[in-house]
Amino acid sequence: MLNRRSSLTRKPHAKALHLLFIAALLALALGTTPAKPVQADPASLAGAVSPGELLNPDGTLDTTTGFQGTLDLRGWEVTLDGERGPLFKSVSRPTAPPIAWHALPTISIARFY
């Protein structure tokens, strides 16, 4: 009889924990917002230098130039290598396809009456 009684008392606790877990998941899912890309303020890039003139042929930064300052990374893809550091690759932005206007077929409304 003790086994049956103890199993009855465990069920409400398990149900409460289950509901608490679901509530925590919902709060976590609804309370978070996805990350958004951040755009740099154009005024802060006034003295920024393009990394193109500071790169070695393999895409790594040439640290012998003595450069200190801000890099303008617009148009560059940067990946991190554990041994070589940041690797820079120029990204050419695709040009938009030309807009072509096509004439719509002319349908007479009179045909439908």
Protein backbone atom coordinates (compact mmCIF):
# COMPACT_ATOMS: atom_id res chain seq x y z
CA MET A 1 0.00 0.00 0.00
CA LEU A 2 2.91 2.35 0.66
CA ASN A 3 4.17 2.00 -2.89
CA ARG A 4 0.82 2.95 -4.32
CA ARG A 5 0.48 5.95 -2.02
CA SER A 6 4.00 7.22 -2.75
CA SER A 7 3.39 6.94 -6.50
CA LEU A 8 0.26 9.06 -6.15
CA THR A 9 2.11 11.79 -4.32
CA ARG A 10 4.88 11.92 -6.93
CA LYS A 11 2.59 12.53 -9.90
CA PRO A 12 1.45 16.05 -8.91
CA HIS A 13 5.07 17.12 -8.41
CA ALA A 14 6.08 15.72 -11.78
CA LYS A 15 3.18 17.51 -13.44
CA ALA A 16 4.10 20.77 -11.72
CA LEU A 17 7.73 20.43 -12.80
CA HIS A 18 6.62 19.69 -16.34
CA LEU A 19 4.43 22.81 -16.43
CA LEU A 20 7.21 24.88 -14.89
CA PHE A 21 9.64 23.64 -17.55
CA ILE A 22 7.21 24.52 -20.37
CA ALA A 23 6.60 27.96 -18.85
CA ALA A 24 10.36 28.57 -18.64
CA LEU A 25 10.82 27.56 -22.28
CA LEU A 26 8.02 29.87 -23.39
CA ALA A 27 9.44 32.76 -21.37
CA LEU A 28 12.86 32.16 -22.89
CA ALA A 29 11.50 31.92 -26.43
CA LEU A 30 9.28 34.99 -26.17
CA GLY A 31 11.65 37.08 -24.10
CA THR A 32 14.60 36.97 -26.47
CA THR A 33 15.08 38.90 -29.67
CA PRO A 34 17.25 37.76 -32.55
CA ALA A 35 20.55 39.51 -33.11
CA LYS A 36 20.55 42.26 -35.70
CA PRO A 37 23.53 43.43 -37.73
CA VAL A 38 24.97 46.74 -36.60
CA GLN A 39 25.94 49.46 -39.05
CA ALA A 40 28.83 51.73 -38.17
CA ASP A 41 28.16 55.42 -37.96
CA PRO A 42 29.54 56.98 -41.17
CA ALA A 43 31.09 59.80 -39.12
CA SER A 44 33.16 57.28 -37.18
CA LEU A 45 34.67 55.98 -40.45
CA ALA A 46 35.98 59.42 -41.47
CA GLY A 47 39.65 58.51 -40.98
CA ALA A 48 39.27 54.78 -41.60
CA VAL A 49 41.66 53.04 -43.97
CA SER A 50 40.77 50.24 -46.36
CA PRO A 51 42.62 47.07 -45.37
CA GLY A 52 43.61 46.45 -49.00
CA GLU A 53 46.79 48.48 -48.66
CA LEU A 54 47.79 46.72 -45.41
CA LEU A 55 47.53 43.10 -46.54
CA ASN A 56 50.04 40.42 -47.39
CA PRO A 57 49.37 38.41 -50.59
CA ASP A 58 47.79 35.61 -48.50
CA GLY A 59 45.15 37.97 -47.03
CA THR A 60 46.72 38.43 -43.61
CA LEU A 61 47.53 41.84 -42.13
CA ASP A 62 51.04 43.13 -42.71
CA THR A 63 52.01 44.10 -39.17
CA THR A 64 55.33 45.66 -40.25
CA THR A 65 53.64 48.80 -41.59
CA GLY A 66 53.22 50.31 -38.13
CA PHE A 67 49.61 51.25 -38.87
CA GLN A 68 47.46 52.25 -35.91
CA GLY A 69 43.88 53.27 -36.47
CA THR A 70 40.49 52.22 -37.75
CA LEU A 71 39.93 49.89 -40.68
CA ASP A 72 36.96 50.38 -42.98
CA LEU A 73 35.78 46.81 -43.51
CA ARG A 74 33.00 47.64 -45.96
CA GLY A 75 33.47 45.38 -48.96
CA TRP A 76 35.65 42.91 -47.04
CA GLU A 77 34.88 39.50 -45.59
CA VAL A 78 36.93 38.72 -42.49
CA THR A 79 37.46 35.22 -41.12
CA LEU A 80 39.59 34.21 -38.16
CA ASP A 81 42.36 31.64 -38.48
CA GLY A 82 43.71 30.18 -35.24
CA GLU A 83 47.32 30.43 -36.39
CA ARG A 84 47.43 33.32 -38.85
CA GLY A 85 44.87 35.67 -37.29
CA PRO A 86 42.28 37.60 -39.32
CA LEU A 87 42.10 36.75 -43.02
CA PHE A 88 40.70 39.39 -45.36
CA LYS A 89 38.96 38.65 -48.65
CA SER A 90 37.57 41.31 -50.94
CA VAL A 91 33.85 40.90 -51.54
CA SER A 92 32.50 42.21 -54.78
CA ARG A 93 28.91 43.18 -54.36
CA PRO A 94 26.66 41.76 -57.05
CA THR A 95 25.19 44.34 -59.31
CA ALA A 96 21.44 44.51 -59.53
CA PRO A 97 19.96 43.04 -62.68
CA PRO A 98 18.70 45.63 -65.11
CA ILE A 99 15.05 46.45 -64.69
CA ALA A 100 13.10 45.46 -67.74
CA TRP A 101 9.57 46.61 -68.29
CA HIS A 102 7.40 44.33 -70.33
CA ALA A 103 4.20 45.44 -71.89
CA LEU A 104 1.11 43.79 -70.48
CA PRO A 105 -1.17 42.09 -72.95
CA THR A 106 -4.15 44.19 -73.87
CA ILE A 107 -7.44 42.46 -73.20
CA SER A 108 -10.61 44.14 -74.21
CA ILE A 109 -13.27 44.25 -71.52
CA ALA A 110 -15.88 44.13 -74.25
CA ARG A 111 -15.09 40.44 -74.84
CA PHE A 112 -16.44 39.56 -71.40
CA TYR A 113 -19.92 41.07 -71.89
